[in-house]
Amino acid sequence: MKRDEAKGRILKTLESLFWEYDVKDLDLSKDRELIIKRVLSHGSVEDLKWLRKIVGDEEIKRFLLKTKGRGIDRRRLRFYQVIFRLPAAEVDSWLKDPAGKIWDNRCRGKEDSQGCYGGWTGGGLSLK
């Protein structure tokens, strides 16, 4: 199987993250930022493993720095801070930004519900 075919097959497993798109029409080069953001904000640990293998840690780190973690909940952002060695002071400033509080407040009191973190904590799982 060619590498491009493998990428396409693996992407098919992410279908639930892209419910509003026809997955077979998504293109890793054309829709790269959409795919990265969706996996980082809503993906499972397995989805993150796939993303790291396909685009690499440095590109994910650049994406997080460029977007200042917008749209990613606090818990995941702190997790990514450790995994991708993001500067703590920078992540702290993103989390203090009043614009980010709107995102955080949608989950207030629901931290363990499916609606806010999707049951994903990353706790104790290997990402390599």
Protein backbone atom coordinates (compact mmCIF):
# COMPACT_ATOMS: atom_id res chain seq x y z
CA MET A 1 0.00 0.00 0.00
CA LYS A 2 1.33 3.44 -0.91
CA ARG A 3 1.85 6.07 1.79
CA ASP A 4 -0.89 8.33 0.30
CA GLU A 5 -3.36 5.45 0.40
CA ALA A 6 -2.44 4.81 4.04
CA LYS A 7 -3.02 8.47 4.86
CA GLY A 8 -6.44 8.32 3.19
CA ARG A 9 -7.40 5.16 5.02
CA ILE A 10 -6.34 6.50 8.37
CA LEU A 11 -8.21 9.73 7.71
CA LYS A 12 -11.36 7.64 7.17
CA THR A 13 -11.15 6.66 10.85
CA LEU A 14 -11.48 10.36 11.74
CA GLU A 15 -14.84 10.65 9.99
CA SER A 16 -16.76 11.50 13.17
CA LEU A 17 -14.57 14.60 13.66
CA PHE A 18 -15.55 15.90 10.23
CA TRP A 19 -19.27 15.16 10.27
CA GLU A 20 -20.07 18.20 8.11
CA TYR A 21 -17.61 17.20 5.37
CA ASP A 22 -17.36 14.31 2.97
CA VAL A 23 -14.16 12.76 4.35
CA LYS A 24 -13.03 11.49 0.97
CA ASP A 25 -12.96 15.12 -0.25
CA LEU A 26 -10.62 16.26 2.52
CA ASP A 27 -7.08 16.79 1.30
CA LEU A 28 -4.21 16.77 3.77
CA SER A 29 -2.31 19.48 1.91
CA LYS A 30 -5.29 21.70 1.11
CA ASP A 31 -7.20 21.23 4.39
CA ARG A 32 -4.17 20.85 6.64
CA GLU A 33 -5.07 23.52 9.22
CA LEU A 34 -8.67 22.31 9.47
CA ILE A 35 -7.49 18.76 10.07
CA ILE A 36 -4.87 19.78 12.64
CA LYS A 37 -7.31 22.00 14.54
CA ARG A 38 -10.10 19.44 14.58
CA VAL A 39 -7.86 16.63 15.79
CA LEU A 40 -6.30 18.83 18.48
CA SER A 41 -9.63 20.19 19.70
CA HIS A 42 -11.85 17.09 19.47
CA GLY A 43 -9.75 14.05 18.60
CA SER A 44 -8.96 11.00 20.69
CA VAL A 45 -5.50 9.94 21.79
CA GLU A 46 -5.39 7.61 18.77
CA ASP A 47 -6.29 10.53 16.49
CA LEU A 48 -3.45 12.56 18.03
CA LYS A 49 -1.02 9.70 17.44
CA TRP A 50 -2.07 9.67 13.78
CA LEU A 51 -1.65 13.44 13.49
CA ARG A 52 1.82 13.34 15.05
CA LYS A 53 2.87 10.61 12.62
CA ILE A 54 1.50 12.41 9.55
CA VAL A 55 2.40 16.08 10.17
CA GLY A 56 5.01 15.84 12.92
CA ASP A 57 5.39 17.50 16.30
CA GLU A 58 7.12 20.64 15.01
CA GLU A 59 4.25 21.50 12.68
CA ILE A 60 1.71 20.91 15.44
CA LYS A 61 3.73 23.14 17.76
CA ARG A 62 3.91 25.89 15.10
CA PHE A 63 0.14 25.61 14.63
CA LEU A 64 -0.52 25.95 18.37
CA LEU A 65 1.81 28.96 18.65
CA LYS A 66 0.29 30.62 15.58
CA THR A 67 -3.31 30.15 16.74
CA LYS A 68 -2.52 30.71 20.43
CA GLY A 69 -4.47 27.56 21.21
CA ARG A 70 -7.81 29.14 20.25
CA GLY A 71 -10.70 26.70 20.29
CA ILE A 72 -8.87 24.16 22.42
CA ASP A 73 -10.07 23.67 25.97
CA ARG A 74 -7.80 24.36 28.95
CA ARG A 75 -7.20 20.74 29.86
CA ARG A 76 -6.06 19.78 26.37
CA LEU A 77 -4.00 22.94 26.02
CA ARG A 78 -2.09 22.17 29.22
CA PHE A 79 -1.57 18.63 27.98
CA TYR A 80 -0.22 19.94 24.65
CA GLN A 81 1.99 22.38 26.55
CA VAL A 82 3.80 19.39 28.03
CA ILE A 83 3.77 17.13 24.96
CA PHE A 84 4.92 19.79 22.49
CA ARG A 85 7.08 21.75 24.96
CA LEU A 86 5.19 25.00 24.56
CA PRO A 87 6.52 27.92 26.65
CA ALA A 88 4.58 27.96 29.94
CA ALA A 89 4.41 31.77 30.10
CA GLU A 90 2.94 31.90 26.62
CA VAL A 91 0.28 29.27 27.34
CA ASP A 92 -0.52 31.05 30.61
CA SER A 93 -1.13 34.28 28.68
CA TRP A 94 -3.42 32.51 26.20
CA LEU A 95 -5.46 31.09 29.06
CA LYS A 96 -5.75 34.50 30.73
CA ASP A 97 -7.03 36.12 27.54
CA PRO A 98 -10.68 37.17 28.12
CA ALA A 99 -11.62 35.94 24.64
CA GLY A 100 -10.65 32.40 25.68
CA LYS A 101 -12.87 32.55 28.73
CA ILE A 102 -15.96 32.36 26.52
CA TRP A 103 -14.78 28.95 25.32
CA ASP A 104 -13.93 27.79 28.84
CA ASN A 105 -17.21 28.91 30.37
CA ARG A 106 -19.24 26.66 28.09
CA CYS A 107 -17.89 23.72 30.11
CA ARG A 108 -18.13 25.19 33.61
CA GLY A 109 -19.36 22.45 35.93
CA LYS A 110 -19.34 19.84 33.15
CA GLU A 111 -15.68 18.88 33.04
CA ASP A 112 -16.41 15.17 32.98
CA SER A 113 -19.30 15.24 30.55
CA GLN A 114 -19.10 14.10 26.96
CA GLY A 115 -20.11 17.55 25.76
CA CYS A 116 -16.99 19.37 26.94
CA TYR A 117 -14.01 17.07 26.84
CA GLY A 118 -15.50 14.13 24.99
CA GLY A 119 -14.42 11.85 27.79
CA TRP A 120 -10.80 12.38 26.72
CA THR A 121 -8.18 13.18 29.30
CA GLY A 122 -5.05 11.70 27.80
CA GLY A 123 -4.34 10.38 31.28
CA GLY A 124 -1.61 7.79 31.40
CA LEU A 125 -1.70 6.90 27.70
CA SER A 126 1.40 6.72 25.57
CA LEU A 127 1.37 8.99 22.54
CA LYS A 128 4.38 7.53 20.75
